[in-house]
Amino acid sequence: MAYIRSGGTKECIFCTKGASSNEKEDLVLFKGKRCFVMMNLYPYNTGHLMVAPYRHVGNLTELDEDERKELMELITKSVAVLQKVLNPDGFNVGINLGRVAGAGVEGHVHFHVVPRWSGDTSFMTVIDEVRVIPELLSDTYERLVVHFSKDK
């Protein structure tokens, strides 16, 4: 609700978080050469991650080959880490291009990696558009970040 009431932000969260030096506070799990992985501050489910390039581009067609490769590598790594740590039953991995397609941040291309469990939707979401997240973001961050280190 705090995000909805605030009217959002004028700055690009991916440019800001990608350039941040305080990864823990900004929920950044991994920084690669061209792309990075961060937790979603307003997750659909526990462990909801986003993978984005540092470069501010709004469409897949604007990415260069190295950015596309690293994005796919980090999406794959994200799925592997989430499988190991959270043991979900499945995943939604996707991208929304353009506001009409559901992009919350339409100017900076990014992928969502959302772990799913059987029965993870409840009446709360259906009736009130409310999501119940059973673990603090900071606790999930601590459980995931150790698996994103370069030597693992």
C-alpha atoms as a PDB file:
ATOM      1  CA  MET A   1       0.000   0.000   0.000  1.00  0.00           C
ATOM      2  CA  ALA A   2       2.885   2.386   0.696  1.00  0.00           C
ATOM      3  CA  TYR A   3       3.971   2.114  -2.943  1.00  0.00           C
ATOM      4  CA  ILE A   4       0.439   2.605  -4.293  1.00  0.00           C
ATOM      5  CA  ARG A   5      -0.211   5.624  -2.053  1.00  0.00           C
ATOM      6  CA  SER A   6       3.117   7.205  -2.969  1.00  0.00           C
ATOM      7  CA  GLY A   7       2.182   7.284  -6.641  1.00  0.00           C
ATOM      8  CA  GLY A   8       5.320   5.344  -7.529  1.00  0.00           C
ATOM      9  CA  THR A   9       8.670   6.854  -8.262  1.00  0.00           C
ATOM     10  CA  LYS A  10       9.964   9.073 -11.049  1.00  0.00           C
ATOM     11  CA  GLU A  11      13.400   7.456 -11.113  1.00  0.00           C
ATOM     12  CA  CYS A  12      14.102   4.101 -12.744  1.00  0.00           C
ATOM     13  CA  ILE A  13      14.444   1.505  -9.990  1.00  0.00           C
ATOM     14  CA  PHE A  14      16.680  -0.663 -12.175  1.00  0.00           C
ATOM     15  CA  CYS A  15      19.123   2.153 -12.931  1.00  0.00           C
ATOM     16  CA  THR A  16      19.154   3.166  -9.255  1.00  0.00           C
ATOM     17  CA  LYS A  17      19.488  -0.333  -7.793  1.00  0.00           C
ATOM     18  CA  GLY A  18      21.950  -1.483 -10.446  1.00  0.00           C
ATOM     19  CA  ALA A  19      24.279   1.411  -9.575  1.00  0.00           C
ATOM     20  CA  SER A  20      23.845   1.016  -5.810  1.00  0.00           C
ATOM     21  CA  SER A  21      26.760   0.203  -3.559  1.00  0.00           C
ATOM     22  CA  ASN A  22      24.434  -0.985  -0.779  1.00  0.00           C
ATOM     23  CA  GLU A  23      23.298  -4.299  -2.227  1.00  0.00           C
ATOM     24  CA  LYS A  24      21.731  -5.619   0.975  1.00  0.00           C
ATOM     25  CA  GLU A  25      19.557  -2.542   1.564  1.00  0.00           C
ATOM     26  CA  ASP A  26      18.536  -2.498  -2.106  1.00  0.00           C
ATOM     27  CA  LEU A  27      17.946  -6.276  -2.168  1.00  0.00           C
ATOM     28  CA  VAL A  28      20.487  -6.791  -4.979  1.00  0.00           C
ATOM     29  CA  LEU A  29      21.575 -10.430  -4.901  1.00  0.00           C
ATOM     30  CA  PHE A  30      24.148 -10.471  -7.691  1.00  0.00           C
ATOM     31  CA  LYS A  31      25.920  -8.036  -9.992  1.00  0.00           C
ATOM     32  CA  GLY A  32      27.350  -9.338 -13.239  1.00  0.00           C
ATOM     33  CA  LYS A  33      29.230  -7.476 -15.971  1.00  0.00           C
ATOM     34  CA  ARG A  34      26.134  -6.323 -17.864  1.00  0.00           C
ATOM     35  CA  CYS A  35      23.153  -7.461 -15.789  1.00  0.00           C
ATOM     36  CA  PHE A  36      22.092  -7.995 -12.181  1.00  0.00           C
ATOM     37  CA  VAL A  37      19.585  -9.873 -10.015  1.00  0.00           C
ATOM     38  CA  MET A  38      17.462  -8.211  -7.358  1.00  0.00           C
ATOM     39  CA  MET A  39      14.510  -9.159  -5.186  1.00  0.00           C
ATOM     40  CA  ASN A  40      11.158  -7.556  -5.889  1.00  0.00           C
ATOM     41  CA  LEU A  41      10.271  -5.159  -3.062  1.00  0.00           C
ATOM     42  CA  TYR A  42       6.569  -5.862  -3.772  1.00  0.00           C
ATOM     43  CA  PRO A  43       6.659  -9.605  -4.541  1.00  0.00           C
ATOM     44  CA  TYR A  44       3.899 -11.796  -5.936  1.00  0.00           C
ATOM     45  CA  ASN A  45       5.383 -14.644  -3.931  1.00  0.00           C
ATOM     46  CA  THR A  46       8.305 -15.377  -1.598  1.00  0.00           C
ATOM     47  CA  GLY A  47      11.525 -15.315  -3.622  1.00  0.00           C
ATOM     48  CA  HIS A  48      10.174 -13.157  -6.477  1.00  0.00           C
ATOM     49  CA  LEU A  49      13.291 -11.974  -8.324  1.00  0.00           C
ATOM     50  CA  MET A  50      13.926  -9.577 -11.188  1.00  0.00           C
ATOM     51  CA  VAL A  51      16.812  -9.791 -13.653  1.00  0.00           C
ATOM     52  CA  ALA A  52      17.750  -6.669 -15.621  1.00  0.00           C
ATOM     53  CA  PRO A  53      20.574  -5.175 -17.650  1.00  0.00           C
ATOM     54  CA  TYR A  54      22.361  -2.145 -16.218  1.00  0.00           C
ATOM     55  CA  ARG A  55      21.777  -0.289 -19.475  1.00  0.00           C
ATOM     56  CA  HIS A  56      18.454   1.561 -19.623  1.00  0.00           C
ATOM     57  CA  VAL A  57      16.681   0.077 -22.647  1.00  0.00           C
ATOM     58  CA  GLY A  58      12.953  -0.504 -23.021  1.00  0.00           C
ATOM     59  CA  ASN A  59      12.817  -3.444 -25.401  1.00  0.00           C
ATOM     60  CA  LEU A  60      14.518  -6.773 -26.049  1.00  0.00           C
ATOM     61  CA  THR A  61      15.435  -5.584 -29.537  1.00  0.00           C
ATOM     62  CA  GLU A  62      17.665  -2.902 -28.011  1.00  0.00           C
ATOM     63  CA  LEU A  63      19.822  -5.364 -26.051  1.00  0.00           C
ATOM     64  CA  ASP A  64      23.174  -6.385 -27.478  1.00  0.00           C
ATOM     65  CA  GLU A  65      24.188 -10.037 -27.755  1.00  0.00           C
ATOM     66  CA  ASP A  66      26.293 -10.024 -24.578  1.00  0.00           C
ATOM     67  CA  GLU A  67      23.432  -8.524 -22.552  1.00  0.00           C
ATOM     68  CA  ARG A  68      21.000 -11.143 -23.899  1.00  0.00           C
ATOM     69  CA  LYS A  69      23.405 -13.962 -23.026  1.00  0.00           C
ATOM     70  CA  GLU A  70      24.045 -12.695 -19.515  1.00  0.00           C
ATOM     71  CA  LEU A  71      20.329 -12.123 -18.907  1.00  0.00           C
ATOM     72  CA  MET A  72      19.588 -15.752 -19.795  1.00  0.00           C
ATOM     73  CA  GLU A  73      22.505 -17.000 -17.671  1.00  0.00           C
ATOM     74  CA  LEU A  74      21.252 -15.018 -14.666  1.00  0.00           C
ATOM     75  CA  ILE A  75      17.653 -16.134 -15.180  1.00  0.00           C
ATOM     76  CA  THR A  76      18.891 -19.737 -15.242  1.00  0.00           C
ATOM     77  CA  LYS A  77      21.047 -19.147 -12.142  1.00  0.00           C
ATOM     78  CA  SER A  78      18.068 -17.544 -10.383  1.00  0.00           C
ATOM     79  CA  VAL A  79      15.885 -20.590 -11.066  1.00  0.00           C
ATOM     80  CA  ALA A  80      18.644 -22.927  -9.822  1.00  0.00           C
ATOM     81  CA  VAL A  81      19.186 -20.947  -6.593  1.00  0.00           C
ATOM     82  CA  LEU A  82      15.454 -20.691  -5.897  1.00  0.00           C
ATOM     83  CA  GLN A  83      15.051 -24.439  -6.506  1.00  0.00           C
ATOM     84  CA  LYS A  84      17.847 -25.196  -4.062  1.00  0.00           C
ATOM     85  CA  VAL A  85      16.815 -22.767  -1.309  1.00  0.00           C
ATOM     86  CA  LEU A  86      13.013 -22.587  -1.519  1.00  0.00           C
ATOM     87  CA  ASN A  87      12.119 -25.867  -3.278  1.00  0.00           C
ATOM     88  CA  PRO A  88       9.097 -24.533  -5.221  1.00  0.00           C
ATOM     89  CA  ASP A  89       6.826 -26.751  -7.301  1.00  0.00           C
ATOM     90  CA  GLY A  90       7.303 -24.586 -10.396  1.00  0.00           C
ATOM     91  CA  PHE A  91       8.101 -21.114 -11.733  1.00  0.00           C
ATOM     92  CA  ASN A  92       6.669 -18.235 -13.685  1.00  0.00           C
ATOM     93  CA  VAL A  93       9.452 -16.616 -15.711  1.00  0.00           C
ATOM     94  CA  GLY A  94       8.380 -13.719 -17.840  1.00  0.00           C
ATOM     95  CA  ILE A  95       8.656 -10.248 -19.208  1.00  0.00           C
ATOM     96  CA  ASN A  96       6.057  -7.532 -19.794  1.00  0.00           C
ATOM     97  CA  LEU A  97       6.899  -5.223 -22.694  1.00  0.00           C
ATOM     98  CA  GLY A  98       4.874  -2.006 -22.634  1.00  0.00           C
ATOM     99  CA  ARG A  99       2.307  -0.644 -20.212  1.00  0.00           C
ATOM    100  CA  VAL A 100      -0.632  -2.407 -21.929  1.00  0.00           C
ATOM    101  CA  ALA A 101       1.219  -5.710 -21.423  1.00  0.00           C
ATOM    102  CA  GLY A 102       1.487  -5.057 -17.692  1.00  0.00           C
ATOM    103  CA  ALA A 103       4.950  -3.495 -17.446  1.00  0.00           C
ATOM    104  CA  GLY A 104       5.224  -1.610 -14.164  1.00  0.00           C
ATOM    105  CA  VAL A 105       8.556  -0.138 -15.281  1.00  0.00           C
ATOM    106  CA  GLU A 106       8.165   0.059 -19.024  1.00  0.00           C
ATOM    107  CA  GLY A 107      11.330   1.985 -19.859  1.00  0.00           C
ATOM    108  CA  HIS A 108      13.811  -0.603 -18.552  1.00  0.00           C
ATOM    109  CA  VAL A 109      13.499  -4.167 -19.799  1.00  0.00           C
ATOM    110  CA  HIS A 110      13.554  -6.801 -17.019  1.00  0.00           C
ATOM    111  CA  PHE A 111      12.504 -10.380 -16.379  1.00  0.00           C
ATOM    112  CA  HIS A 112      10.514 -11.698 -13.430  1.00  0.00           C
ATOM    113  CA  VAL A 113      11.379 -15.062 -11.861  1.00  0.00           C
ATOM    114  CA  VAL A 114       8.575 -16.100  -9.522  1.00  0.00           C
ATOM    115  CA  PRO A 115       8.643 -19.390  -7.580  1.00  0.00           C
ATOM    116  CA  ARG A 116       5.272 -21.128  -7.338  1.00  0.00           C
ATOM    117  CA  TRP A 117       3.875 -23.760  -4.996  1.00  0.00           C
ATOM    118  CA  SER A 118       0.738 -25.844  -5.361  1.00  0.00           C
ATOM    119  CA  GLY A 119      -2.061 -23.913  -3.684  1.00  0.00           C
ATOM    120  CA  ASP A 120      -0.071 -20.685  -3.290  1.00  0.00           C
ATOM    121  CA  THR A 121      -3.052 -18.560  -4.306  1.00  0.00           C
ATOM    122  CA  SER A 122      -5.564 -17.950  -1.588  1.00  0.00           C
ATOM    123  CA  PHE A 123      -8.880 -16.229  -1.208  1.00  0.00           C
ATOM    124  CA  MET A 124      -6.961 -13.096  -0.117  1.00  0.00           C
ATOM    125  CA  THR A 125      -5.666 -12.490  -3.640  1.00  0.00           C
ATOM    126  CA  VAL A 126      -8.976 -13.328  -5.294  1.00  0.00           C
ATOM    127  CA  ILE A 127     -11.207 -11.241  -3.032  1.00  0.00           C
ATOM    128  CA  ASP A 128      -9.013  -8.321  -1.992  1.00  0.00           C
ATOM    129  CA  GLU A 129      -5.991  -8.349  -4.325  1.00  0.00           C
ATOM    130  CA  VAL A 130      -3.839  -8.910  -1.226  1.00  0.00           C
ATOM    131  CA  ARG A 131      -0.807 -11.202  -1.194  1.00  0.00           C
ATOM    132  CA  VAL A 132       0.425 -13.011   1.887  1.00  0.00           C
ATOM    133  CA  ILE A 133       4.202 -13.391   2.025  1.00  0.00           C
ATOM    134  CA  PRO A 134       5.177 -15.724   4.900  1.00  0.00           C
ATOM    135  CA  GLU A 135       8.801 -14.570   5.281  1.00  0.00           C
ATOM    136  CA  LEU A 136      10.438 -11.160   5.703  1.00  0.00           C
ATOM    137  CA  LEU A 137      12.254  -9.943   2.577  1.00  0.00           C
ATOM    138  CA  SER A 138      15.436  -9.515   4.602  1.00  0.00           C
ATOM    139  CA  ASP A 139      15.295 -13.156   5.743  1.00  0.00           C
ATOM    140  CA  THR A 140      14.748 -14.410   2.200  1.00  0.00           C
ATOM    141  CA  TYR A 141      17.608 -12.176   1.009  1.00  0.00           C
ATOM    142  CA  GLU A 142      20.007 -13.720   3.528  1.00  0.00           C
ATOM    143  CA  ARG A 143      19.013 -17.238   2.494  1.00  0.00           C
ATOM    144  CA  LEU A 144      19.484 -16.504  -1.229  1.00  0.00           C
ATOM    145  CA  VAL A 145      22.483 -14.177  -1.430  1.00  0.00           C
ATOM    146  CA  VAL A 146      25.042 -16.779  -0.343  1.00  0.00           C
ATOM    147  CA  HIS A 147      24.108 -18.904  -3.361  1.00  0.00           C
ATOM    148  CA  PHE A 148      24.694 -16.080  -5.826  1.00  0.00           C
ATOM    149  CA  SER A 149      28.360 -15.536  -4.966  1.00  0.00           C
ATOM    150  CA  LYS A 150      30.702 -15.880  -7.933  1.00  0.00           C
ATOM    151  CA  ASP A 151      32.526 -18.918  -6.543  1.00  0.00           C
ATOM    152  CA  LYS A 152      29.395 -21.086  -6.167  1.00  0.00           C
END
